[in-house]
Amino acid sequence: MTVYREKFHEELNSLISECIILGKECHVRLANTVEILVAENIDEARKVVRKDAEINKMEADINAHAINLITTQAPVATDLRMIISCIKIADNLERIGDNISNVAEVRKRIKIRMNARCSV
């Protein structure tokens, strides 16, 4: 029974790691998008938009992994809460990825004037 439980915790830690990787990927893309906003070259904005599917796939993989753990391992309440948290975190990170892509999409279409001043 102990080996079975160790295997489950390895899988749970793997799921958590996938969420962390997704978070780091979103962080990197957000930083790149901020740079894109001030750059004249819109090719980088195009790359960000094209790569949105990768974030979507990562989220889908996390969800599939979580569902697999729930259905095959019958986790206890504490572990179940962690699995469900991973699902929710992945969903929110995917939404952040969509927003990053939307900003890059807008950047492709507009010219931003960095010297313009806004008055209130």
Protein backbone atom coordinates (compact mmCIF):
# COMPACT_ATOMS: atom_id res chain seq x y z
CA MET A 1 0.00 0.00 0.00
CA THR A 2 2.88 2.37 0.75
CA VAL A 3 4.31 2.04 -2.77
CA TYR A 4 0.87 2.79 -4.21
CA ARG A 5 0.59 5.94 -2.07
CA GLU A 6 4.11 7.05 -3.03
CA LYS A 7 3.21 6.69 -6.70
CA PHE A 8 0.10 8.81 -6.14
CA HIS A 9 2.12 11.55 -4.42
CA GLU A 10 4.65 11.50 -7.27
CA GLU A 11 1.76 12.04 -9.70
CA LEU A 12 0.31 14.79 -7.52
CA ASN A 13 3.70 16.53 -7.35
CA SER A 14 3.95 16.19 -11.12
CA LEU A 15 0.56 17.90 -11.48
CA ILE A 16 1.68 20.72 -9.22
CA SER A 17 4.88 21.08 -11.26
CA GLU A 18 2.82 21.36 -14.45
CA CYS A 19 0.89 24.25 -12.89
CA ILE A 20 4.13 25.97 -11.91
CA ILE A 21 5.51 25.57 -15.43
CA LEU A 22 2.29 27.03 -16.86
CA GLY A 23 2.56 29.97 -14.46
CA LYS A 24 6.17 30.62 -15.42
CA GLU A 25 5.27 30.44 -19.12
CA CYS A 26 2.51 33.01 -18.63
CA HIS A 27 4.93 35.22 -16.69
CA VAL A 28 7.51 35.10 -19.48
CA ARG A 29 4.88 35.85 -22.12
CA LEU A 30 3.50 38.74 -20.10
CA ALA A 31 6.98 40.25 -19.80
CA ASN A 32 7.47 39.82 -23.55
CA THR A 33 4.12 41.46 -24.23
CA VAL A 34 5.09 44.50 -22.18
CA GLU A 35 8.22 44.80 -24.33
CA ILE A 36 6.10 44.37 -27.46
CA LEU A 37 4.00 47.37 -26.47
CA VAL A 38 6.98 49.69 -26.75
CA ALA A 39 8.65 48.03 -29.75
CA GLU A 40 8.13 49.11 -33.33
CA ASN A 41 8.45 45.54 -34.66
CA ILE A 42 5.10 43.73 -34.61
CA ASP A 43 6.57 40.36 -35.59
CA GLU A 44 6.97 39.53 -31.90
CA ALA A 45 3.30 40.35 -31.35
CA ARG A 46 2.41 37.90 -34.10
CA LYS A 47 4.50 35.20 -32.38
CA VAL A 48 2.70 35.75 -29.07
CA VAL A 49 -0.69 35.39 -30.75
CA ARG A 50 0.38 32.20 -32.55
CA LYS A 51 1.73 30.65 -29.36
CA ASP A 52 -1.54 31.05 -27.44
CA ALA A 53 -2.47 27.51 -28.47
CA GLU A 54 0.48 26.21 -26.43
CA ILE A 55 -0.96 27.73 -23.24
CA ASN A 56 -4.35 26.23 -24.08
CA LYS A 57 -2.77 22.80 -24.54
CA MET A 58 -0.89 23.05 -21.26
CA GLU A 59 -4.14 23.84 -19.45
CA ALA A 60 -5.92 20.94 -21.15
CA ASP A 61 -3.07 18.59 -20.19
CA ILE A 62 -3.27 19.70 -16.55
CA ASN A 63 -7.02 19.12 -16.53
CA ALA A 64 -6.63 15.67 -18.07
CA HIS A 65 -3.92 14.77 -15.56
CA ALA A 66 -6.09 15.99 -12.66
CA ILE A 67 -9.15 14.08 -13.85
CA ASN A 68 -7.04 10.97 -14.28
CA LEU A 69 -5.79 11.28 -10.70
CA ILE A 70 -9.30 11.74 -9.35
CA THR A 71 -10.81 8.84 -11.26
CA THR A 72 -8.01 6.32 -10.77
CA GLN A 73 -6.65 7.12 -7.33
CA ALA A 74 -9.69 8.08 -5.18
CA PRO A 75 -7.73 10.79 -3.34
CA VAL A 76 -8.45 11.76 0.27
CA ALA A 77 -9.98 15.17 0.96
CA THR A 78 -6.69 17.04 1.37
CA ASP A 79 -5.28 15.66 -1.88
CA LEU A 80 -8.56 16.24 -3.68
CA ARG A 81 -8.50 19.90 -2.66
CA MET A 82 -4.98 20.20 -4.08
CA ILE A 83 -6.05 18.59 -7.37
CA ILE A 84 -9.07 20.86 -7.69
CA SER A 85 -6.89 23.87 -6.88
CA CYS A 86 -4.57 22.87 -9.74
CA ILE A 87 -7.55 22.75 -12.10
CA LYS A 88 -8.69 26.22 -11.01
CA ILE A 89 -5.18 27.67 -11.19
CA ALA A 90 -4.66 26.26 -14.68
CA ASP A 91 -7.99 27.74 -15.78
CA ASN A 92 -7.05 31.18 -14.50
CA LEU A 93 -3.58 31.01 -16.03
CA GLU A 94 -5.10 30.01 -19.37
CA ARG A 95 -7.34 33.06 -19.14
CA ILE A 96 -4.29 35.21 -18.43
CA GLY A 97 -2.69 33.67 -21.51
CA ASP A 98 -5.76 34.64 -23.54
CA ASN A 99 -5.50 38.22 -22.28
CA ILE A 100 -1.80 38.33 -23.16
CA SER A 101 -2.68 37.14 -26.65
CA ASN A 102 -5.42 39.78 -26.90
CA VAL A 103 -2.97 42.55 -25.98
CA ALA A 104 -0.53 41.29 -28.62
CA GLU A 105 -3.37 41.13 -31.16
CA VAL A 106 -4.27 44.76 -30.47
CA ARG A 107 -0.59 45.72 -30.68
CA LYS A 108 -0.45 44.28 -34.18
CA ARG A 109 -3.16 46.68 -35.26
CA ILE A 110 -2.22 49.97 -33.66
CA LYS A 111 0.72 52.35 -33.60
CA ILE A 112 1.63 53.42 -30.09
CA ARG A 113 3.16 56.83 -29.64
CA MET A 114 5.54 56.73 -26.74
CA ASN A 115 6.06 60.51 -26.63
CA ALA A 116 2.38 61.35 -26.47
CA ARG A 117 1.25 62.80 -23.15
CA CYS A 118 -2.15 62.22 -21.66
CA SER A 119 -3.82 65.05 -19.82
CA VAL A 120 -6.56 64.51 -17.34
